[in-house]
Amino acid sequence: MLIRSQILSAPQFSSYFNSSFFPKLLSFNGACNFRNRALSVKRWRNCKRFSSIVSSASSSTNGAPENVHMKKRKIVEHIFLVKAKSDLSEDEEKDMLDYLYTSQYHMSGILAISLGRIEGPDAENFTHGVYMRFQRKEDVAKFYNSAFYSRVLEERVAPISYGSVSVDFESEVEDDIIPIFRRGEDFNYGVECIILISVLETVPKEAIEEALCTLQDLIGQYDSFIVQATIGTTLNSKDSEYSHAAVIRFPSREDFVFFKESNEYKHMWSSKFQPINKKSLLLHYSVDPVGTELM
């Protein structure tokens, strides 16, 4: 039996942190955020400074005093949303999720994963969400072209669904095992929140930067209610259904609701995102360490 969490074995960690495996990275902005630690938040007061990281942004800090020299590491976030048929059985659902989850053991490059049944209605009628983290864009490309993953989609997803969407975006986290691999007790439970946004074609770049800046600032203000957050512009955004995305892990459903229903979030959305929004989605699902068989 395996536990549906993001813990990898010692040999896997060793290979990921081999100096020849990780390329030398440039300097970025943004970092991860962990709960229940002393945090110092850097706010993006000047949105023009945000222009260089619109395609590579994440939330505030990661349990250490803010340090401009803190090393960061680029990662690529992958989101896969499924519209399951209404007659989906429990066995079919479990089978689909198990195969999607255990894909991490059949191919390299997947640093972290979570998945679950989407809670609450949404405009697009998505029923299940899958989140994966990759080290590089090349790893995402290999993942899409993987024979195993293609077989999972063909045999375990397509027959029981009537639609799906995939979104990838580049971001960054602090260069440390816990934030990169989403390890530890804080990541074993909670709520995964996914925000997808498509902005109007006529919106000025400055307005987009300001909106993303405001979201990152708000995440910093609510750092004690958030385990980790990443934000970024989607890869191949011209061909993608959505232009920007964010993944936010909350410790509990209560923390998620507190953030989503806060006056600050509602004001940010109505004042910054609503005017530039073509369409958007806010989805969430619960994350629990569920036993599953290796397929």
C-alpha atoms as a PDB file:
ATOM      1  CA  MET A   1       0.000   0.000   0.000  1.00  0.00           C
ATOM      2  CA  LEU A   2       1.156   3.516  -0.744  1.00  0.00           C
ATOM      3  CA  ILE A   3       0.227   6.796   0.857  1.00  0.00           C
ATOM      4  CA  ARG A   4      -1.157   9.487  -1.429  1.00  0.00           C
ATOM      5  CA  SER A   5       1.242  12.213  -0.417  1.00  0.00           C
ATOM      6  CA  GLN A   6       4.334  13.831  -1.853  1.00  0.00           C
ATOM      7  CA  ILE A   7       7.054  11.913   0.008  1.00  0.00           C
ATOM      8  CA  LEU A   8       9.812  10.432  -2.166  1.00  0.00           C
ATOM      9  CA  SER A   9      12.392   7.816  -1.273  1.00  0.00           C
ATOM     10  CA  ALA A  10      16.003   8.637  -0.408  1.00  0.00           C
ATOM     11  CA  PRO A  11      17.382   7.509  -3.796  1.00  0.00           C
ATOM     12  CA  GLN A  12      14.875   9.736  -5.567  1.00  0.00           C
ATOM     13  CA  PHE A  13      15.950  12.740  -3.472  1.00  0.00           C
ATOM     14  CA  SER A  14      19.577  12.024  -4.189  1.00  0.00           C
ATOM     15  CA  SER A  15      18.985  11.996  -7.928  1.00  0.00           C
ATOM     16  CA  TYR A  16      16.941  15.191  -7.856  1.00  0.00           C
ATOM     17  CA  PHE A  17      19.598  17.114  -5.985  1.00  0.00           C
ATOM     18  CA  ASN A  18      22.535  15.867  -8.020  1.00  0.00           C
ATOM     19  CA  SER A  19      24.327  18.971  -9.276  1.00  0.00           C
ATOM     20  CA  SER A  20      24.328  17.647 -12.822  1.00  0.00           C
ATOM     21  CA  PHE A  21      20.563  17.107 -12.728  1.00  0.00           C
ATOM     22  CA  PHE A  22      19.613  20.642 -11.697  1.00  0.00           C
ATOM     23  CA  PRO A  23      20.741  23.348 -14.125  1.00  0.00           C
ATOM     24  CA  LYS A  24      22.266  26.562 -12.861  1.00  0.00           C
ATOM     25  CA  LEU A  25      19.397  28.997 -12.428  1.00  0.00           C
ATOM     26  CA  LEU A  26      19.173  32.720 -12.858  1.00  0.00           C
ATOM     27  CA  SER A  27      17.893  35.101 -10.190  1.00  0.00           C
ATOM     28  CA  PHE A  28      14.136  35.174  -9.710  1.00  0.00           C
ATOM     29  CA  ASN A  29      11.572  36.751  -7.422  1.00  0.00           C
ATOM     30  CA  GLY A  30       9.044  34.993  -5.214  1.00  0.00           C
ATOM     31  CA  ALA A  31       9.326  32.080  -2.812  1.00  0.00           C
ATOM     32  CA  CYS A  32       7.268  29.592  -0.864  1.00  0.00           C
ATOM     33  CA  ASN A  33       5.312  30.099   2.240  1.00  0.00           C
ATOM     34  CA  PHE A  34       4.939  27.818   5.236  1.00  0.00           C
ATOM     35  CA  ARG A  35       2.534  28.054   8.107  1.00  0.00           C
ATOM     36  CA  ASN A  36       3.328  28.305  11.831  1.00  0.00           C
ATOM     37  CA  ARG A  37       6.750  29.897  11.459  1.00  0.00           C
ATOM     38  CA  ALA A  38       8.090  33.407  11.867  1.00  0.00           C
ATOM     39  CA  LEU A  39       7.469  35.023   8.501  1.00  0.00           C
ATOM     40  CA  SER A  40       8.507  38.297   6.974  1.00  0.00           C
ATOM     41  CA  VAL A  41       6.602  39.205   3.833  1.00  0.00           C
ATOM     42  CA  LYS A  42       7.985  41.189   0.932  1.00  0.00           C
ATOM     43  CA  ARG A  43       5.130  43.085  -0.691  1.00  0.00           C
ATOM     44  CA  TRP A  44       5.271  44.120  -4.325  1.00  0.00           C
ATOM     45  CA  ARG A  45       4.347  47.758  -3.719  1.00  0.00           C
ATOM     46  CA  ASN A  46       5.630  48.873  -7.092  1.00  0.00           C
ATOM     47  CA  CYS A  47       3.878  46.800  -9.735  1.00  0.00           C
ATOM     48  CA  LYS A  48       6.422  47.846 -12.361  1.00  0.00           C
ATOM     49  CA  ARG A  49       8.939  45.723 -10.466  1.00  0.00           C
ATOM     50  CA  PHE A  50       6.576  42.817 -11.017  1.00  0.00           C
ATOM     51  CA  SER A  51       6.828  43.078 -14.796  1.00  0.00           C
ATOM     52  CA  SER A  52       9.924  40.903 -14.926  1.00  0.00           C
ATOM     53  CA  ILE A  53       8.271  38.046 -13.024  1.00  0.00           C
ATOM     54  CA  VAL A  54       4.763  37.906 -14.443  1.00  0.00           C
ATOM     55  CA  SER A  55       5.692  34.561 -15.980  1.00  0.00           C
ATOM     56  CA  SER A  56       7.552  33.375 -12.884  1.00  0.00           C
ATOM     57  CA  ALA A  57       5.971  34.445  -9.636  1.00  0.00           C
ATOM     58  CA  SER A  58       5.009  32.764  -6.404  1.00  0.00           C
ATOM     59  CA  SER A  59       3.930  33.693  -2.930  1.00  0.00           C
ATOM     60  CA  SER A  60       5.810  35.242  -0.092  1.00  0.00           C
ATOM     61  CA  THR A  61       8.474  33.633   2.043  1.00  0.00           C
ATOM     62  CA  ASN A  62       9.089  30.182   3.351  1.00  0.00           C
ATOM     63  CA  GLY A  63       9.613  30.232   7.077  1.00  0.00           C
ATOM     64  CA  ALA A  64      12.721  32.408   7.196  1.00  0.00           C
ATOM     65  CA  PRO A  65      13.299  36.151   7.426  1.00  0.00           C
ATOM     66  CA  GLU A  66      13.096  37.804   4.022  1.00  0.00           C
ATOM     67  CA  ASN A  67      16.472  37.790   2.336  1.00  0.00           C
ATOM     68  CA  VAL A  68      17.126  39.224  -1.089  1.00  0.00           C
ATOM     69  CA  HIS A  69      19.904  36.648  -1.499  1.00  0.00           C
ATOM     70  CA  MET A  70      17.650  33.679  -0.716  1.00  0.00           C
ATOM     71  CA  LYS A  71      18.199  31.056  -3.403  1.00  0.00           C
ATOM     72  CA  LYS A  72      15.174  30.183  -5.502  1.00  0.00           C
ATOM     73  CA  ARG A  73      14.565  27.353  -7.890  1.00  0.00           C
ATOM     74  CA  LYS A  74      12.375  27.387 -10.960  1.00  0.00           C
ATOM     75  CA  ILE A  75       9.641  24.790 -11.148  1.00  0.00           C
ATOM     76  CA  VAL A  76       6.775  24.137 -13.549  1.00  0.00           C
ATOM     77  CA  GLU A  77       3.251  23.582 -12.243  1.00  0.00           C
ATOM     78  CA  HIS A  78       0.876  21.301 -14.166  1.00  0.00           C
ATOM     79  CA  ILE A  79      -2.900  21.369 -13.704  1.00  0.00           C
ATOM     80  CA  PHE A  80      -5.204  18.745 -15.207  1.00  0.00           C
ATOM     81  CA  LEU A  81      -8.979  19.120 -14.815  1.00  0.00           C
ATOM     82  CA  VAL A  82     -11.480  16.425 -15.790  1.00  0.00           C
ATOM     83  CA  LYS A  83     -15.218  16.447 -16.480  1.00  0.00           C
ATOM     84  CA  ALA A  84     -16.386  12.988 -15.441  1.00  0.00           C
ATOM     85  CA  LYS A  85     -19.631  11.518 -16.738  1.00  0.00           C
ATOM     86  CA  SER A  86     -22.616  11.606 -14.393  1.00  0.00           C
ATOM     87  CA  ASP A  87     -22.828   7.804 -14.226  1.00  0.00           C
ATOM     88  CA  LEU A  88     -19.241   7.454 -12.985  1.00  0.00           C
ATOM     89  CA  SER A  89     -19.038   4.632 -10.441  1.00  0.00           C
ATOM     90  CA  GLU A  90     -16.900   4.694  -7.291  1.00  0.00           C
ATOM     91  CA  ASP A  91     -14.692   1.922  -8.668  1.00  0.00           C
ATOM     92  CA  GLU A  92     -14.144   3.809 -11.938  1.00  0.00           C
ATOM     93  CA  GLU A  93     -13.328   6.996 -10.053  1.00  0.00           C
ATOM     94  CA  LYS A  94     -10.850   5.230  -7.760  1.00  0.00           C
ATOM     95  CA  ASP A  95      -9.274   3.466 -10.719  1.00  0.00           C
ATOM     96  CA  MET A  96      -8.812   6.733 -12.629  1.00  0.00           C
ATOM     97  CA  LEU A  97      -7.337   8.594  -9.652  1.00  0.00           C
ATOM     98  CA  ASP A  98      -5.044   5.718  -8.711  1.00  0.00           C
ATOM     99  CA  TYR A  99      -3.589   5.483 -12.200  1.00  0.00           C
ATOM    100  CA  LEU A 100      -3.128   9.251 -12.436  1.00  0.00           C
ATOM    101  CA  TYR A 101      -1.496   9.370  -9.015  1.00  0.00           C
ATOM    102  CA  THR A 102       0.887   6.463  -9.547  1.00  0.00           C
ATOM    103  CA  SER A 103       2.070   7.901 -12.860  1.00  0.00           C
ATOM    104  CA  GLN A 104       4.765   9.604 -10.764  1.00  0.00           C
ATOM    105  CA  TYR A 105       6.356   6.196 -10.183  1.00  0.00           C
ATOM    106  CA  HIS A 106       6.493   5.353 -13.879  1.00  0.00           C
ATOM    107  CA  MET A 107       8.282   8.461 -15.133  1.00  0.00           C
ATOM    108  CA  SER A 108      10.915  10.870 -13.862  1.00  0.00           C
ATOM    109  CA  GLY A 109      10.554  14.585 -13.362  1.00  0.00           C
ATOM    110  CA  ILE A 110       7.443  14.712 -11.147  1.00  0.00           C
ATOM    111  CA  LEU A 111       8.466  16.428  -7.898  1.00  0.00           C
ATOM    112  CA  ALA A 112       5.064  16.557  -6.187  1.00  0.00           C
ATOM    113  CA  ILE A 113       1.468  15.579  -6.856  1.00  0.00           C
ATOM    114  CA  SER A 114      -2.010  15.923  -5.403  1.00  0.00           C
ATOM    115  CA  LEU A 115      -5.444  15.111  -6.756  1.00  0.00           C
ATOM    116  CA  GLY A 116      -9.039  14.794  -5.687  1.00  0.00           C
ATOM    117  CA  ARG A 117     -12.710  15.287  -6.368  1.00  0.00           C
ATOM    118  CA  ILE A 118     -13.558  18.946  -6.911  1.00  0.00           C
ATOM    119  CA  GLU A 119     -15.883  20.256  -4.227  1.00  0.00           C
ATOM    120  CA  GLY A 120     -18.716  22.594  -5.061  1.00  0.00           C
ATOM    121  CA  PRO A 121     -20.136  23.604  -8.440  1.00  0.00           C
ATOM    122  CA  ASP A 122     -18.164  25.494 -11.072  1.00  0.00           C
ATOM    123  CA  ALA A 123     -19.138  27.117 -14.344  1.00  0.00           C
ATOM    124  CA  GLU A 124     -17.261  24.556 -16.459  1.00  0.00           C
ATOM    125  CA  ASN A 125     -18.561  21.466 -14.580  1.00  0.00           C
ATOM    126  CA  PHE A 126     -15.134  20.029 -13.789  1.00  0.00           C
ATOM    127  CA  THR A 127     -15.357  17.121 -11.368  1.00  0.00           C
ATOM    128  CA  HIS A 128     -11.746  16.141 -10.616  1.00  0.00           C
ATOM    129  CA  GLY A 129      -8.465  17.987 -10.337  1.00  0.00           C
ATOM    130  CA  VAL A 130      -4.858  16.830 -10.619  1.00  0.00           C
ATOM    131  CA  TYR A 131      -1.852  18.946  -9.689  1.00  0.00           C
ATOM    132  CA  MET A 132       1.743  17.996 -10.496  1.00  0.00           C
ATOM    133  CA  ARG A 133       5.027  19.818 -10.090  1.00  0.00           C
ATOM    134  CA  PHE A 134       7.893  19.363 -12.514  1.00  0.00           C
ATOM    135  CA  GLN A 135      11.470  20.558 -12.386  1.00  0.00           C
ATOM    136  CA  ARG A 136      11.712  21.866 -15.942  1.00  0.00           C
ATOM    137  CA  LYS A 137       9.619  22.550 -19.022  1.00  0.00           C
ATOM    138  CA  GLU A 138      11.442  19.714 -20.750  1.00  0.00           C
ATOM    139  CA  ASP A 139      10.111  17.316 -18.103  1.00  0.00           C
ATOM    140  CA  VAL A 140       6.555  18.450 -18.810  1.00  0.00           C
ATOM    141  CA  ALA A 141       7.069  17.812 -22.520  1.00  0.00           C
ATOM    142  CA  LYS A 142       8.365  14.297 -21.790  1.00  0.00           C
ATOM    143  CA  PHE A 143       5.386  13.729 -19.510  1.00  0.00           C
ATOM    144  CA  TYR A 144       2.893  14.643 -22.238  1.00  0.00           C
ATOM    145  CA  ASN A 145       4.689  12.323 -24.667  1.00  0.00           C
ATOM    146  CA  SER A 146       4.982   9.455 -22.198  1.00  0.00           C
ATOM    147  CA  ALA A 147       3.525   6.171 -23.412  1.00  0.00           C
ATOM    148  CA  PHE A 148       2.336   5.348 -19.892  1.00  0.00           C
ATOM    149  CA  TYR A 149       0.516   8.652 -19.424  1.00  0.00           C
ATOM    150  CA  SER A 150      -1.041   8.437 -22.886  1.00  0.00           C
ATOM    151  CA  ARG A 151      -2.298   4.965 -22.025  1.00  0.00           C
ATOM    152  CA  VAL A 152      -3.757   6.205 -18.728  1.00  0.00           C
ATOM    153  CA  LEU A 153      -5.643   8.966 -20.539  1.00  0.00           C
ATOM    154  CA  GLU A 154      -6.867   6.625 -23.247  1.00  0.00           C
ATOM    155  CA  GLU A 155      -7.879   3.716 -21.028  1.00  0.00           C
ATOM    156  CA  ARG A 156      -8.715   5.242 -17.627  1.00  0.00           C
ATOM    157  CA  VAL A 157      -9.807   8.837 -18.244  1.00  0.00           C
ATOM    158  CA  ALA A 158     -11.362   9.186 -21.707  1.00  0.00           C
ATOM    159  CA  PRO A 159     -13.966   6.381 -21.346  1.00  0.00           C
ATOM    160  CA  ILE A 160     -15.467   7.909 -18.197  1.00  0.00           C
ATOM    161  CA  SER A 161     -15.205  11.618 -19.039  1.00  0.00           C
ATOM    162  CA  TYR A 162     -16.482  14.056 -21.640  1.00  0.00           C
ATOM    163  CA  GLY A 163     -13.875  16.785 -21.421  1.00  0.00           C
ATOM    164  CA  SER A 164     -10.635  17.933 -19.830  1.00  0.00           C
ATOM    165  CA  VAL A 165      -8.180  20.817 -19.806  1.00  0.00           C
ATOM    166  CA  SER A 166      -4.461  21.007 -19.046  1.00  0.00           C
ATOM    167  CA  VAL A 167      -2.652  24.159 -17.917  1.00  0.00           C
ATOM    168  CA  ASP A 168       1.067  24.602 -17.229  1.00  0.00           C
ATOM    169  CA  PHE A 169       2.843  27.601 -15.755  1.00  0.00           C
ATOM    170  CA  GLU A 170       6.358  28.384 -14.612  1.00  0.00           C
ATOM    171  CA  SER A 171       6.973  29.660 -11.101  1.00  0.00           C
ATOM    172  CA  GLU A 172       9.583  29.351  -8.355  1.00  0.00           C
ATOM    173  CA  VAL A 173      10.014  28.238  -4.764  1.00  0.00           C
ATOM    174  CA  GLU A 174      12.778  28.438  -2.202  1.00  0.00           C
ATOM    175  CA  ASP A 175      15.695  26.157  -3.007  1.00  0.00           C
ATOM    176  CA  ASP A 176      15.075  23.601  -0.269  1.00  0.00           C
ATOM    177  CA  ILE A 177      13.731  20.040  -0.074  1.00  0.00           C
ATOM    178  CA  ILE A 178      10.516  20.822   1.824  1.00  0.00           C
ATOM    179  CA  PRO A 179       9.152  23.579  -0.436  1.00  0.00           C
ATOM    180  CA  ILE A 180      10.355  21.983  -3.681  1.00  0.00           C
ATOM    181  CA  PHE A 181       8.957  18.517  -3.026  1.00  0.00           C
ATOM    182  CA  ARG A 182       6.040  19.719  -0.850  1.00  0.00           C
ATOM    183  CA  ARG A 183       7.140  17.389   1.903  1.00  0.00           C
ATOM    184  CA  GLY A 184       6.125  17.289   5.528  1.00  0.00           C
ATOM    185  CA  GLU A 185       3.002  17.098   7.636  1.00  0.00           C
ATOM    186  CA  ASP A 186       1.635  20.411   6.363  1.00  0.00           C
ATOM    187  CA  PHE A 187       1.350  18.938   2.873  1.00  0.00           C
ATOM    188  CA  ASN A 188      -0.299  15.661   3.904  1.00  0.00           C
ATOM    189  CA  TYR A 189      -3.653  17.293   4.540  1.00  0.00           C
ATOM    190  CA  GLY A 190      -5.529  20.411   3.520  1.00  0.00           C
ATOM    191  CA  VAL A 191      -7.215  21.973   0.533  1.00  0.00           C
ATOM    192  CA  GLU A 192      -5.674  22.530  -2.894  1.00  0.00           C
ATOM    193  CA  CYS A 193      -7.054  25.694  -4.482  1.00  0.00           C
ATOM    194  CA  ILE A 194      -6.629  26.304  -8.211  1.00  0.00           C
ATOM    195  CA  ILE A 195      -7.281  29.687  -9.813  1.00  0.00           C
ATOM    196  CA  LEU A 196      -7.379  29.973 -13.608  1.00  0.00           C
ATOM    197  CA  ILE A 197      -7.766  33.304 -15.375  1.00  0.00           C
ATOM    198  CA  SER A 198      -8.107  34.384 -18.983  1.00  0.00           C
ATOM    199  CA  VAL A 199      -7.610  38.110 -19.486  1.00  0.00           C
ATOM    200  CA  LEU A 200      -9.164  40.203 -22.225  1.00  0.00           C
ATOM    201  CA  GLU A 201      -6.941  40.746 -25.259  1.00  0.00           C
ATOM    202  CA  THR A 202      -7.283  44.525 -24.990  1.00  0.00           C
ATOM    203  CA  VAL A 203      -6.091  44.751 -21.380  1.00  0.00           C
ATOM    204  CA  PRO A 204      -2.851  46.757 -20.922  1.00  0.00           C
ATOM    205  CA  LYS A 205       0.125  44.835 -19.598  1.00  0.00           C
ATOM    206  CA  GLU A 206       0.318  47.186 -16.622  1.00  0.00           C
ATOM    207  CA  ALA A 207      -3.199  46.246 -15.495  1.00  0.00           C
ATOM    208  CA  ILE A 208      -2.319  42.544 -15.572  1.00  0.00           C
ATOM    209  CA  GLU A 209       0.870  43.163 -13.606  1.00  0.00           C
ATOM    210  CA  GLU A 210      -1.010  45.188 -11.016  1.00  0.00           C
ATOM    211  CA  ALA A 211      -3.650  42.482 -10.575  1.00  0.00           C
ATOM    212  CA  LEU A 212      -1.038  39.743 -10.087  1.00  0.00           C
ATOM    213  CA  CYS A 213       0.896  42.030  -7.783  1.00  0.00           C
ATOM    214  CA  THR A 214      -2.211  42.572  -5.658  1.00  0.00           C
ATOM    215  CA  LEU A 215      -2.931  38.837  -5.456  1.00  0.00           C
ATOM    216  CA  GLN A 216       0.610  38.095  -4.341  1.00  0.00           C
ATOM    217  CA  ASP A 217       0.401  40.865  -1.777  1.00  0.00           C
ATOM    218  CA  LEU A 218      -2.864  39.444  -0.420  1.00  0.00           C
ATOM    219  CA  ILE A 219      -1.329  35.973  -0.158  1.00  0.00           C
ATOM    220  CA  GLY A 220       1.459  37.531   1.894  1.00  0.00           C
ATOM    221  CA  GLN A 221      -1.061  39.146   4.223  1.00  0.00           C
ATOM    222  CA  TYR A 222      -2.723  35.753   4.808  1.00  0.00           C
ATOM    223  CA  ASP A 223       0.540  33.815   5.132  1.00  0.00           C
ATOM    224  CA  SER A 224      -0.455  32.183   8.434  1.00  0.00           C
ATOM    225  CA  PHE A 225      -3.452  30.591   6.674  1.00  0.00           C
ATOM    226  CA  ILE A 226      -1.504  29.332   3.643  1.00  0.00           C
ATOM    227  CA  VAL A 227       1.029  26.511   3.356  1.00  0.00           C
ATOM    228  CA  GLN A 228       2.361  27.398  -0.102  1.00  0.00           C
ATOM    229  CA  ALA A 229       1.315  29.365  -3.170  1.00  0.00           C
ATOM    230  CA  THR A 230       2.619  29.771  -6.711  1.00  0.00           C
ATOM    231  CA  ILE A 231       1.464  32.183  -9.415  1.00  0.00           C
ATOM    232  CA  GLY A 232       2.430  32.520 -13.048  1.00  0.00           C
ATOM    233  CA  THR A 233       1.647  33.089 -16.693  1.00  0.00           C
ATOM    234  CA  THR A 234       0.653  29.914 -18.512  1.00  0.00           C
ATOM    235  CA  LEU A 235       3.093  28.364 -20.949  1.00  0.00           C
ATOM    236  CA  ASN A 236       2.009  28.751 -24.560  1.00  0.00           C
ATOM    237  CA  SER A 237      -0.578  31.238 -23.319  1.00  0.00           C
ATOM    238  CA  LYS A 238      -1.596  32.163 -26.877  1.00  0.00           C
ATOM    239  CA  ASP A 239      -2.744  28.592 -27.447  1.00  0.00           C
ATOM    240  CA  SER A 240      -4.014  27.999 -23.916  1.00  0.00           C
ATOM    241  CA  GLU A 241      -7.567  28.530 -22.773  1.00  0.00           C
ATOM    242  CA  TYR A 242      -6.234  30.435 -19.756  1.00  0.00           C
ATOM    243  CA  SER A 243      -3.502  33.055 -19.560  1.00  0.00           C
ATOM    244  CA  HIS A 244      -2.633  32.965 -15.848  1.00  0.00           C
ATOM    245  CA  ALA A 245      -2.868  30.469 -13.016  1.00  0.00           C
ATOM    246  CA  ALA A 246      -2.265  30.067  -9.301  1.00  0.00           C
ATOM    247  CA  VAL A 247      -2.090  27.075  -6.974  1.00  0.00           C
ATOM    248  CA  ILE A 248      -2.615  27.718  -3.260  1.00  0.00           C
ATOM    249  CA  ARG A 249      -2.414  25.009  -0.585  1.00  0.00           C
ATOM    250  CA  PHE A 250      -4.431  25.726   2.551  1.00  0.00           C
ATOM    251  CA  PRO A 251      -4.007  23.751   5.786  1.00  0.00           C
ATOM    252  CA  SER A 252      -7.762  23.204   6.123  1.00  0.00           C
ATOM    253  CA  ARG A 253     -11.128  23.909   4.546  1.00  0.00           C
ATOM    254  CA  GLU A 254     -11.730  26.543   7.213  1.00  0.00           C
ATOM    255  CA  ASP A 255      -8.594  28.426   6.171  1.00  0.00           C
ATOM    256  CA  PHE A 256      -9.598  28.223   2.515  1.00  0.00           C
ATOM    257  CA  VAL A 257     -13.089  29.580   3.227  1.00  0.00           C
ATOM    258  CA  PHE A 258     -11.670  32.304   5.459  1.00  0.00           C
ATOM    259  CA  PHE A 259      -9.424  33.490   2.623  1.00  0.00           C
ATOM    260  CA  LYS A 260     -12.010  33.174  -0.158  1.00  0.00           C
ATOM    261  CA  GLU A 261     -14.780  34.876   1.806  1.00  0.00           C
ATOM    262  CA  SER A 262     -12.610  37.668   3.193  1.00  0.00           C
ATOM    263  CA  ASN A 263     -13.455  41.252   2.317  1.00  0.00           C
ATOM    264  CA  GLU A 264      -9.872  41.728   1.129  1.00  0.00           C
ATOM    265  CA  TYR A 265     -10.136  38.905  -1.411  1.00  0.00           C
ATOM    266  CA  LYS A 266     -13.531  40.058  -2.653  1.00  0.00           C
ATOM    267  CA  HIS A 267     -12.290  43.636  -3.001  1.00  0.00           C
ATOM    268  CA  MET A 268      -9.145  42.498  -4.821  1.00  0.00           C
ATOM    269  CA  TRP A 269     -11.186  40.422  -7.246  1.00  0.00           C
ATOM    270  CA  SER A 270     -13.802  43.079  -7.980  1.00  0.00           C
ATOM    271  CA  SER A 271     -11.331  45.947  -8.315  1.00  0.00           C
ATOM    272  CA  LYS A 272      -8.329  44.293 -10.001  1.00  0.00           C
ATOM    273  CA  PHE A 273      -9.431  41.106 -11.767  1.00  0.00           C
ATOM    274  CA  GLN A 274     -13.044  41.661 -12.725  1.00  0.00           C
ATOM    275  CA  PRO A 275     -12.219  44.577 -15.077  1.00  0.00           C
ATOM    276  CA  ILE A 276      -9.608  42.521 -16.970  1.00  0.00           C
ATOM    277  CA  ASN A 277     -11.281  39.123 -16.745  1.00  0.00           C
ATOM    278  CA  LYS A 278     -12.486  37.293 -19.847  1.00  0.00           C
ATOM    279  CA  LYS A 279     -13.271  34.158 -17.869  1.00  0.00           C
ATOM    280  CA  SER A 280     -12.004  32.546 -14.691  1.00  0.00           C
ATOM    281  CA  LEU A 281     -12.281  29.506 -12.456  1.00  0.00           C
ATOM    282  CA  LEU A 282     -11.703  28.995  -8.750  1.00  0.00           C
ATOM    283  CA  LEU A 283     -11.693  25.296  -7.861  1.00  0.00           C
ATOM    284  CA  HIS A 284     -10.684  23.337  -4.794  1.00  0.00           C
ATOM    285  CA  TYR A 285     -10.404  19.770  -3.591  1.00  0.00           C
ATOM    286  CA  SER A 286      -9.430  18.121  -0.317  1.00  0.00           C
ATOM    287  CA  VAL A 287      -6.051  16.449   0.064  1.00  0.00           C
ATOM    288  CA  ASP A 288      -5.725  13.451   2.387  1.00  0.00           C
ATOM    289  CA  PRO A 289      -3.141  10.663   2.733  1.00  0.00           C
ATOM    290  CA  VAL A 290      -5.254   7.971   1.060  1.00  0.00           C
ATOM    291  CA  GLY A 291      -3.958   4.426   0.603  1.00  0.00           C
ATOM    292  CA  THR A 292      -3.722   3.273  -3.002  1.00  0.00           C
ATOM    293  CA  GLU A 293      -2.173   0.397  -4.911  1.00  0.00           C
ATOM    294  CA  LEU A 294       0.728   0.849  -7.285  1.00  0.00           C
ATOM    295  CA  MET A 295      -0.544   0.335 -10.834  1.00  0.00           C
END
